[in-house]
Amino acid sequence: MIWEETKKIYPSSWLVIEAIDAITEGENRIIKQLAVLDSFEEETSKDALLKYLQLHKIHPNRELYVVHSTRPELDIKEQPCLGLGVRAN
């Protein structure tokens, strides 16, 4: 599904989506095709974020996002993964 179709099907909703076909242009992640994994019509993103965290824990290699369907476009910026270092004493 493309973003324009998604916005029409899920108006004013928080969505947990997966990038099915995506490319990187500069620092922007361009999602050409996506799948909606869950939708939440509540005012808050809390439930969507909890669903994202649950899915990410099970499938850490999938490209998942939480977005609101009122966004005119998916303007996702790629950020380098810095990782967390733990220092043992």
N, C-alpha and C. Protein backbone atom coordinates (compact mmCIF):
# COMPACT_ATOMS: atom_id res chain seq x y z
N MET A 1 0.85 -1.16 0.00
CA MET A 1 0.00 0.00 0.00
C MET A 1 0.91 1.23 0.00
N ILE A 2 0.45 2.31 -0.59
CA ILE A 2 1.21 3.56 -0.56
C ILE A 2 0.59 4.50 0.49
N TRP A 3 1.33 5.55 0.85
CA TRP A 3 0.91 6.44 1.93
C TRP A 3 -0.42 7.13 1.62
N GLU A 4 -0.63 7.55 0.39
CA GLU A 4 -1.89 8.24 0.04
C GLU A 4 -3.10 7.33 0.28
N GLU A 5 -3.00 6.07 -0.07
CA GLU A 5 -4.10 5.11 0.18
C GLU A 5 -4.30 4.90 1.67
N THR A 6 -3.20 4.79 2.39
CA THR A 6 -3.25 4.54 3.83
C THR A 6 -4.00 5.65 4.55
N LYS A 7 -3.72 6.91 4.18
CA LYS A 7 -4.37 8.05 4.84
C LYS A 7 -5.88 8.04 4.63
N LYS A 8 -6.32 7.58 3.46
CA LYS A 8 -7.77 7.52 3.18
C LYS A 8 -8.45 6.40 3.95
N ILE A 9 -7.77 5.27 4.09
CA ILE A 9 -8.35 4.12 4.78
C ILE A 9 -8.37 4.32 6.29
N TYR A 10 -7.34 4.99 6.82
CA TYR A 10 -7.19 5.18 8.27
C TYR A 10 -7.12 6.68 8.61
N PRO A 11 -8.20 7.42 8.43
CA PRO A 11 -8.14 8.86 8.73
C PRO A 11 -8.01 9.12 10.24
N SER A 12 -7.19 10.08 10.59
CA SER A 12 -7.01 10.50 11.99
C SER A 12 -6.70 9.34 12.93
N SER A 13 -5.75 8.51 12.54
CA SER A 13 -5.39 7.34 13.35
C SER A 13 -3.89 7.28 13.56
N TRP A 14 -3.52 6.71 14.70
CA TRP A 14 -2.13 6.35 14.93
C TRP A 14 -1.94 4.98 14.31
N LEU A 15 -0.84 4.80 13.58
CA LEU A 15 -0.60 3.56 12.86
C LEU A 15 0.77 2.99 13.21
N VAL A 16 0.82 1.68 13.31
CA VAL A 16 2.09 0.97 13.36
C VAL A 16 2.25 0.39 11.96
N ILE A 17 3.30 0.85 11.27
CA ILE A 17 3.50 0.42 9.89
C ILE A 17 4.84 -0.28 9.74
N GLU A 18 4.93 -1.08 8.67
CA GLU A 18 6.18 -1.71 8.30
C GLU A 18 6.53 -1.29 6.89
N ALA A 19 7.76 -0.88 6.70
CA ALA A 19 8.24 -0.54 5.36
C ALA A 19 8.48 -1.84 4.60
N ILE A 20 7.78 -2.02 3.50
CA ILE A 20 7.93 -3.22 2.67
C ILE A 20 8.96 -2.96 1.58
N ASP A 21 8.88 -1.77 0.98
CA ASP A 21 9.82 -1.35 -0.06
C ASP A 21 10.25 0.07 0.27
N ALA A 22 11.53 0.24 0.59
CA ALA A 22 12.02 1.55 0.99
C ALA A 22 13.44 1.75 0.49
N ILE A 23 13.79 3.02 0.27
CA ILE A 23 15.14 3.39 -0.15
C ILE A 23 15.59 4.58 0.68
N THR A 24 16.88 4.82 0.68
CA THR A 24 17.44 5.98 1.36
C THR A 24 17.93 6.96 0.32
N GLU A 25 17.50 8.21 0.45
CA GLU A 25 17.98 9.30 -0.39
C GLU A 25 18.53 10.37 0.53
N GLY A 26 19.85 10.50 0.56
CA GLY A 26 20.47 11.42 1.50
C GLY A 26 20.23 10.93 2.91
N GLU A 27 19.60 11.76 3.73
CA GLU A 27 19.25 11.35 5.10
C GLU A 27 17.78 10.97 5.23
N ASN A 28 17.06 10.95 4.10
CA ASN A 28 15.63 10.63 4.12
C ASN A 28 15.38 9.17 3.77
N ARG A 29 14.47 8.57 4.51
CA ARG A 29 14.02 7.21 4.23
C ARG A 29 12.72 7.33 3.44
N ILE A 30 12.73 6.89 2.21
CA ILE A 30 11.56 6.97 1.33
C ILE A 30 10.87 5.62 1.32
N ILE A 31 9.64 5.58 1.83
CA ILE A 31 8.88 4.33 1.88
C ILE A 31 7.95 4.30 0.68
N LYS A 32 8.23 3.38 -0.23
CA LYS A 32 7.43 3.25 -1.45
C LYS A 32 6.20 2.38 -1.21
N GLN A 33 6.37 1.31 -0.45
CA GLN A 33 5.27 0.40 -0.12
C GLN A 33 5.32 0.12 1.38
N LEU A 34 4.14 0.06 2.00
CA LEU A 34 4.07 -0.20 3.43
C LEU A 34 2.91 -1.12 3.75
N ALA A 35 2.98 -1.69 4.92
CA ALA A 35 1.89 -2.51 5.45
C ALA A 35 1.48 -1.91 6.79
N VAL A 36 0.18 -1.79 6.99
CA VAL A 36 -0.33 -1.33 8.28
C VAL A 36 -0.48 -2.55 9.16
N LEU A 37 0.24 -2.58 10.26
CA LEU A 37 0.20 -3.71 11.17
C LEU A 37 -0.86 -3.55 12.24
N ASP A 38 -1.17 -2.29 12.60
CA ASP A 38 -2.23 -2.02 13.57
C ASP A 38 -2.60 -0.55 13.49
N SER A 39 -3.82 -0.24 13.89
CA SER A 39 -4.28 1.16 13.89
C SER A 39 -4.98 1.45 15.21
N PHE A 40 -4.86 2.72 15.63
CA PHE A 40 -5.42 3.16 16.90
C PHE A 40 -6.09 4.51 16.68
N GLU A 41 -7.37 4.60 16.93
CA GLU A 41 -8.11 5.82 16.68
C GLU A 41 -8.17 6.74 17.89
N GLU A 42 -7.48 6.38 18.94
CA GLU A 42 -7.47 7.20 20.15
C GLU A 42 -6.69 8.48 19.93
N GLU A 43 -6.85 9.42 20.84
CA GLU A 43 -6.14 10.69 20.79
C GLU A 43 -4.66 10.55 21.10
N THR A 44 -4.29 9.48 21.78
CA THR A 44 -2.92 9.31 22.23
C THR A 44 -2.17 8.27 21.41
N SER A 45 -0.87 8.42 21.37
CA SER A 45 -0.04 7.46 20.65
C SER A 45 0.45 6.33 21.55
N LYS A 46 0.06 6.35 22.82
CA LYS A 46 0.57 5.38 23.80
C LYS A 46 0.35 3.93 23.36
N ASP A 47 -0.86 3.59 22.95
CA ASP A 47 -1.16 2.22 22.56
C ASP A 47 -0.37 1.82 21.31
N ALA A 48 -0.24 2.76 20.38
CA ALA A 48 0.52 2.48 19.15
C ALA A 48 1.99 2.24 19.50
N LEU A 49 2.53 3.05 20.38
CA LEU A 49 3.92 2.89 20.78
C LEU A 49 4.15 1.56 21.50
N LEU A 50 3.23 1.18 22.37
CA LEU A 50 3.35 -0.10 23.06
C LEU A 50 3.31 -1.27 22.08
N LYS A 51 2.45 -1.18 21.07
CA LYS A 51 2.38 -2.21 20.03
C LYS A 51 3.69 -2.26 19.25
N TYR A 52 4.22 -1.09 18.90
CA TYR A 52 5.51 -1.02 18.20
C TYR A 52 6.59 -1.71 19.01
N LEU A 53 6.69 -1.39 20.31
CA LEU A 53 7.72 -1.98 21.16
C LEU A 53 7.58 -3.50 21.26
N GLN A 54 6.34 -3.97 21.34
CA GLN A 54 6.08 -5.40 21.39
C GLN A 54 6.55 -6.08 20.09
N LEU A 55 6.20 -5.51 18.96
CA LEU A 55 6.60 -6.08 17.67
C LEU A 55 8.11 -5.99 17.46
N HIS A 56 8.69 -4.87 17.85
CA HIS A 56 10.13 -4.68 17.67
C HIS A 56 10.94 -5.67 18.51
N LYS A 57 10.43 -5.99 19.67
CA LYS A 57 11.12 -6.96 20.53
C LYS A 57 11.12 -8.34 19.88
N ILE A 58 10.02 -8.72 19.26
CA ILE A 58 9.90 -10.02 18.61
C ILE A 58 10.64 -10.06 17.27
N HIS A 59 10.56 -8.94 16.52
CA HIS A 59 11.13 -8.86 15.17
C HIS A 59 12.04 -7.63 15.05
N PRO A 60 13.22 -7.66 15.67
CA PRO A 60 14.07 -6.46 15.68
C PRO A 60 14.61 -6.05 14.31
N ASN A 61 14.60 -6.94 13.34
CA ASN A 61 15.14 -6.62 12.02
C ASN A 61 14.12 -6.04 11.06
N ARG A 62 12.86 -5.99 11.45
CA ARG A 62 11.84 -5.41 10.59
C ARG A 62 11.87 -3.89 10.72
N GLU A 63 11.56 -3.20 9.64
CA GLU A 63 11.57 -1.73 9.62
C GLU A 63 10.18 -1.22 9.99
N LEU A 64 10.01 -0.92 11.27
CA LEU A 64 8.71 -0.53 11.82
C LEU A 64 8.72 0.94 12.23
N TYR A 65 7.54 1.57 12.11
CA TYR A 65 7.39 2.97 12.50
C TYR A 65 6.02 3.18 13.13
N VAL A 66 5.92 4.21 13.97
CA VAL A 66 4.62 4.69 14.48
C VAL A 66 4.42 6.07 13.87
N VAL A 67 3.31 6.23 13.16
CA VAL A 67 3.03 7.50 12.49
C VAL A 67 1.55 7.84 12.65
N HIS A 68 1.22 9.10 12.45
CA HIS A 68 -0.17 9.52 12.47
C HIS A 68 -0.61 9.78 11.04
N SER A 69 -1.81 9.34 10.72
CA SER A 69 -2.28 9.39 9.33
C SER A 69 -2.61 10.80 8.84
N THR A 70 -2.57 11.79 9.70
CA THR A 70 -2.81 13.16 9.24
C THR A 70 -1.56 13.80 8.65
N ARG A 71 -0.43 13.11 8.74
CA ARG A 71 0.80 13.63 8.15
C ARG A 71 0.63 13.69 6.63
N PRO A 72 0.95 14.83 6.01
CA PRO A 72 0.81 14.92 4.56
C PRO A 72 1.69 13.92 3.81
N GLU A 73 2.89 13.68 4.35
CA GLU A 73 3.79 12.70 3.76
C GLU A 73 4.63 12.08 4.85
N LEU A 74 5.23 10.95 4.54
CA LEU A 74 6.12 10.30 5.50
C LEU A 74 7.50 10.91 5.37
N ASP A 75 7.82 11.82 6.25
CA ASP A 75 9.12 12.49 6.23
C ASP A 75 10.02 11.89 7.32
N ILE A 76 10.54 10.71 7.02
CA ILE A 76 11.32 9.96 7.98
C ILE A 76 12.80 10.22 7.72
N LYS A 77 13.47 10.66 8.74
CA LYS A 77 14.91 10.93 8.67
C LYS A 77 15.67 9.72 9.20
N GLU A 78 16.69 9.32 8.48
CA GLU A 78 17.51 8.22 8.93
C GLU A 78 18.51 8.72 9.95
N GLN A 79 18.64 8.00 11.05
CA GLN A 79 19.58 8.36 12.09
C GLN A 79 20.53 7.20 12.32
N PRO A 80 21.81 7.48 12.40
CA PRO A 80 22.75 6.39 12.65
C PRO A 80 22.52 5.77 14.02
N CYS A 81 22.65 4.48 14.09
CA CYS A 81 22.51 3.76 15.35
C CYS A 81 23.81 3.89 16.12
N LEU A 82 23.77 4.60 17.22
CA LEU A 82 24.97 4.81 18.00
C LEU A 82 25.24 3.70 19.00
N GLY A 83 24.20 2.99 19.38
CA GLY A 83 24.34 1.91 20.35
C GLY A 83 24.57 2.45 21.74
N LEU A 84 24.40 1.60 22.70
CA LEU A 84 24.61 1.99 24.09
C LEU A 84 25.77 1.19 24.63
N GLY A 85 26.73 1.87 25.15
CA GLY A 85 27.87 1.19 25.74
C GLY A 85 27.68 1.04 27.23
N VAL A 86 28.03 -0.08 27.75
CA VAL A 86 27.94 -0.32 29.20
C VAL A 86 29.35 -0.57 29.69
N ARG A 87 29.72 0.17 30.68
CA ARG A 87 31.05 0.04 31.24
C ARG A 87 31.00 -0.78 32.52
N ALA A 88 31.76 -1.84 32.54
CA ALA A 88 31.81 -2.67 33.76
C ALA A 88 32.94 -2.15 34.65
N ASN A 89 32.67 -2.07 35.93
CA ASN A 89 33.69 -1.63 36.88
C ASN A 89 34.48 -2.80 37.43
